[in-house]
Amino acid sequence: MKDTDTTLSFYSSVFIQLIFALLLLIIWSYIYKLETIGCECSEHSNKTFVKNFTIIALLYFFITAFIPMRTIAQNMGGAVVQLLALGTFIFFLTFVVYIYYAFEYVRFLMNEKCKCSEDLRREIIAIGTMISLFLFIILLFTIIIIPILISTLTTLFIKIQDFESEVEEVIKNPVKSIRNTPGRLFKSTNDIGSFVKETASKLTKGRKRR
């Protein structure tokens, strides 16, 4: 059952990446067409970045679509997987910016009523990037922002209770509280170290399962 889920996850990932690759190909071919016909009204500050990053993103999606992280981990080790995880995180942050720039670029062409930029691909890019931005925003809220808020509120309530207890102890026994201060600082340092190690371990395991 586990192998089936892994295989399904892999093919789902490949399918999604191929959809993005198709959108990237449309963007690249559209910009190439604008440059070929010398469309002067299509010039914009976003154009160069969109054109260059499209090629980088295409290479990334085509490579990662067919090389699972598990294979890389087995051949190169966990340290390489952690570096790739960091690189992937940076890439996707840049990719979100890229999608926004591409959306802003085609919106500029539409607002300027640039005649030589009129093309079915322009409409596809506008719709595709708008949907992508919407999905990224949903993912941001459901995977990062909402869990962080819930976790923060839960931790906050616990810490408030702990703070009340500590204040009561300081009032009743200030000498004991001062003696315990170095121990609390040491525990906080250990907690930070454990959190960093645990997070790195989860990232590595998550990449290996792919």
Protein backbone atom coordinates (compact mmCIF):
# COMPACT_ATOMS: atom_id res chain seq x y z
CA MET A 1 0.00 0.00 0.00
CA LYS A 2 2.88 2.34 0.89
CA ASP A 3 4.65 1.65 -2.42
CA THR A 4 1.39 2.37 -4.28
CA ASP A 5 0.99 5.71 -2.49
CA THR A 6 4.61 6.60 -3.29
CA THR A 7 4.16 5.73 -6.96
CA LEU A 8 0.90 7.70 -7.14
CA SER A 9 2.57 10.69 -5.47
CA PHE A 10 5.47 10.51 -7.93
CA TYR A 11 3.25 10.42 -11.02
CA SER A 12 1.02 13.18 -9.63
CA SER A 13 4.11 15.31 -9.10
CA VAL A 14 5.29 14.58 -12.65
CA PHE A 15 1.86 15.51 -14.05
CA ILE A 16 1.75 18.84 -12.18
CA GLN A 17 5.30 19.70 -13.19
CA LEU A 18 4.52 18.92 -16.83
CA ILE A 19 1.55 21.32 -16.68
CA PHE A 20 3.85 24.03 -15.37
CA ALA A 21 6.41 23.11 -18.03
CA LEU A 22 3.71 23.53 -20.70
CA LEU A 23 2.84 26.98 -19.34
CA LEU A 24 6.54 27.88 -19.36
CA LEU A 25 6.89 26.75 -22.98
CA ILE A 26 3.93 28.94 -23.93
CA ILE A 27 5.48 31.92 -22.14
CA TRP A 28 8.87 31.38 -23.81
CA SER A 29 7.38 30.95 -27.30
CA TYR A 30 5.22 34.04 -26.82
CA ILE A 31 8.12 36.28 -25.78
CA TYR A 32 10.27 34.82 -28.58
CA LYS A 33 7.50 35.73 -31.06
CA LEU A 34 7.29 39.31 -29.73
CA GLU A 35 11.05 39.73 -30.14
CA THR A 36 11.02 38.17 -33.62
CA ILE A 37 8.39 40.53 -34.98
CA GLY A 38 9.96 43.51 -33.20
CA CYS A 39 6.91 44.44 -31.15
CA GLU A 40 7.99 47.79 -29.67
CA CYS A 41 5.01 48.28 -27.36
CA SER A 42 5.79 44.95 -25.65
CA GLU A 43 8.90 46.35 -23.94
CA HIS A 44 8.61 46.26 -20.16
CA SER A 45 10.97 46.03 -17.17
CA ASN A 46 9.67 42.52 -16.35
CA LYS A 47 10.32 41.12 -19.82
CA THR A 48 14.02 40.23 -19.47
CA PHE A 49 13.56 38.51 -16.10
CA VAL A 50 10.54 36.54 -17.33
CA LYS A 51 12.40 35.43 -20.47
CA ASN A 52 15.60 34.34 -18.67
CA PHE A 53 13.94 32.63 -15.72
CA THR A 54 11.59 30.74 -18.05
CA ILE A 55 14.59 28.83 -19.42
CA ILE A 56 15.93 28.11 -15.91
CA ALA A 57 12.51 26.93 -14.71
CA LEU A 58 12.05 24.70 -17.76
CA LEU A 59 15.38 22.97 -17.08
CA TYR A 60 14.46 22.53 -13.42
CA PHE A 61 11.02 21.03 -14.08
CA PHE A 62 12.22 18.66 -16.80
CA ILE A 63 15.08 17.37 -14.64
CA THR A 64 13.13 16.98 -11.37
CA ALA A 65 10.12 15.46 -13.14
CA PHE A 66 12.11 12.35 -14.02
CA ILE A 67 14.70 12.12 -11.23
CA PRO A 68 13.08 11.41 -7.83
CA MET A 69 14.78 12.63 -4.66
CA ARG A 70 14.99 9.05 -3.37
CA THR A 71 17.39 8.17 -6.19
CA ILE A 72 19.56 11.18 -5.41
CA ALA A 73 19.59 10.33 -1.69
CA GLN A 74 20.60 6.72 -2.38
CA ASN A 75 23.46 7.73 -4.67
CA MET A 76 24.74 10.92 -3.07
CA GLY A 77 23.65 10.84 0.57
CA GLY A 78 21.48 12.87 2.90
CA ALA A 79 23.74 15.96 2.93
CA VAL A 80 23.18 16.45 -0.81
CA VAL A 81 19.42 16.03 -0.30
CA GLN A 82 19.46 18.78 2.34
CA LEU A 83 21.29 21.11 -0.05
CA LEU A 84 18.81 20.27 -2.79
CA ALA A 85 15.94 20.92 -0.37
CA LEU A 86 17.36 24.39 0.34
CA GLY A 87 17.90 25.01 -3.38
CA THR A 88 14.35 23.87 -4.14
CA PHE A 89 12.95 26.21 -1.48
CA ILE A 90 14.85 29.18 -2.97
CA PHE A 91 13.78 28.17 -6.49
CA PHE A 92 10.08 28.05 -5.60
CA LEU A 93 10.23 31.41 -3.85
CA THR A 94 11.75 32.85 -7.03
CA PHE A 95 9.21 30.94 -9.12
CA VAL A 96 6.31 32.61 -7.29
CA VAL A 97 7.88 36.01 -8.01
CA TYR A 98 8.35 34.93 -11.64
CA ILE A 99 4.68 33.95 -12.00
CA TYR A 100 3.63 37.32 -10.58
CA TYR A 101 5.96 39.17 -12.96
CA ALA A 102 4.63 37.18 -15.94
CA PHE A 103 1.04 37.97 -14.90
CA GLU A 104 1.90 41.65 -14.44
CA TYR A 105 3.63 41.70 -17.85
CA VAL A 106 0.68 40.37 -19.86
CA ARG A 107 -1.68 42.59 -17.89
CA PHE A 108 0.50 45.55 -18.92
CA LEU A 109 0.23 44.50 -22.58
CA MET A 110 -3.55 44.29 -22.31
CA ASN A 111 -3.90 47.63 -20.51
CA GLU A 112 -1.65 49.32 -23.07
CA LYS A 113 -3.72 47.77 -25.89
CA CYS A 114 -0.51 46.63 -27.57
CA LYS A 115 -1.77 45.44 -30.98
CA CYS A 116 1.31 43.46 -32.00
CA SER A 117 1.14 41.49 -28.74
CA GLU A 118 -2.36 40.17 -29.41
CA ASP A 119 -2.18 36.38 -29.43
CA LEU A 120 -4.10 33.45 -27.96
CA ARG A 121 -1.00 32.63 -25.94
CA ARG A 122 -1.29 35.99 -24.17
CA GLU A 123 -4.74 35.04 -22.89
CA ILE A 124 -3.51 31.57 -21.86
CA ILE A 125 -0.60 33.11 -19.95
CA ALA A 126 -2.91 35.60 -18.21
CA ILE A 127 -5.30 32.84 -17.10
CA GLY A 128 -2.55 30.34 -16.26
CA THR A 129 -0.51 32.74 -14.13
CA MET A 130 -3.64 34.04 -12.37
CA ILE A 131 -4.67 30.47 -11.44
CA SER A 132 -1.11 29.70 -10.33
CA LEU A 133 -0.98 32.76 -8.08
CA PHE A 134 -4.34 31.81 -6.58
CA LEU A 135 -3.09 28.28 -5.85
CA PHE A 136 0.14 29.60 -4.33
CA ILE A 137 -1.83 31.90 -2.02
CA ILE A 138 -4.04 28.99 -0.91
CA LEU A 139 -0.97 26.82 -0.27
CA LEU A 140 0.66 29.66 1.65
CA PHE A 141 -2.34 29.96 3.96
CA THR A 142 -3.13 26.25 4.39
CA ILE A 143 0.43 24.94 4.74
CA ILE A 144 2.30 27.81 6.40
CA ILE A 145 0.27 30.73 7.76
CA ILE A 146 -2.73 28.94 9.35
CA PRO A 147 -0.66 26.16 11.03
CA ILE A 148 1.79 28.79 12.34
CA LEU A 149 -1.06 30.88 13.73
CA ILE A 150 -2.66 27.87 15.42
CA SER A 151 0.68 26.69 16.80
CA THR A 152 1.57 30.21 17.96
CA LEU A 153 -1.76 30.73 19.72
CA THR A 154 -1.51 27.32 21.43
CA THR A 155 2.06 28.01 22.53
CA LEU A 156 1.07 31.51 23.65
CA PHE A 157 -1.70 30.21 25.94
CA ILE A 158 0.71 27.67 27.45
CA LYS A 159 3.42 30.30 27.95
CA ILE A 160 0.95 32.69 29.59
CA GLN A 161 0.06 29.99 32.11
CA ASP A 162 3.77 29.27 32.68
CA PHE A 163 4.46 33.00 33.06
CA GLU A 164 1.75 33.35 35.68
CA SER A 165 3.26 30.44 37.61
CA GLU A 166 6.76 31.93 37.36
CA VAL A 167 5.58 35.37 38.52
CA GLU A 168 3.92 33.75 41.50
CA GLU A 169 7.15 31.86 42.30
CA VAL A 170 9.28 35.02 41.99
CA ILE A 171 7.00 36.81 44.44
CA LYS A 172 7.03 33.92 46.91
CA ASN A 173 10.69 32.87 46.53
CA PRO A 174 12.87 35.36 44.56
CA VAL A 175 16.19 33.71 45.56
CA LYS A 176 15.15 30.33 44.17
CA SER A 177 13.96 32.00 40.94
CA ILE A 178 17.37 33.69 40.44
CA ARG A 179 19.15 30.35 41.01
CA ASN A 180 16.95 28.70 38.36
CA THR A 181 17.62 31.38 35.69
CA PRO A 182 20.83 29.82 34.21
CA GLY A 183 19.05 26.47 33.91
CA ARG A 184 16.16 28.06 32.04
CA LEU A 185 18.55 29.76 29.62
CA PHE A 186 20.39 26.48 29.02
CA LYS A 187 17.09 24.67 28.40
CA SER A 188 15.97 27.35 25.92
CA THR A 189 19.25 26.98 24.00
CA ASN A 190 18.82 23.19 23.86
CA ASP A 191 15.23 23.60 22.66
CA ILE A 192 16.36 25.83 19.78
CA GLY A 193 19.07 23.31 18.79
CA SER A 194 16.61 20.41 18.93
CA PHE A 195 14.10 22.32 16.79
CA VAL A 196 16.71 23.03 14.11
CA LYS A 197 17.88 19.38 14.02
CA GLU A 198 14.33 18.04 13.95
CA THR A 199 13.32 20.39 11.12
CA ALA A 200 16.37 19.43 9.04
CA SER A 201 15.64 15.73 9.66
CA LYS A 202 11.99 16.10 8.54
CA LEU A 203 13.05 17.91 5.36
CA THR A 204 15.54 15.14 4.55
CA LYS A 205 13.03 12.35 5.20
CA GLY A 206 10.38 14.15 3.15
CA ARG A 207 12.76 14.42 0.19
CA LYS A 208 13.85 10.79 0.49
CA ARG A 209 10.26 9.57 0.35
CA ARG A 210 9.92 11.24 -3.07
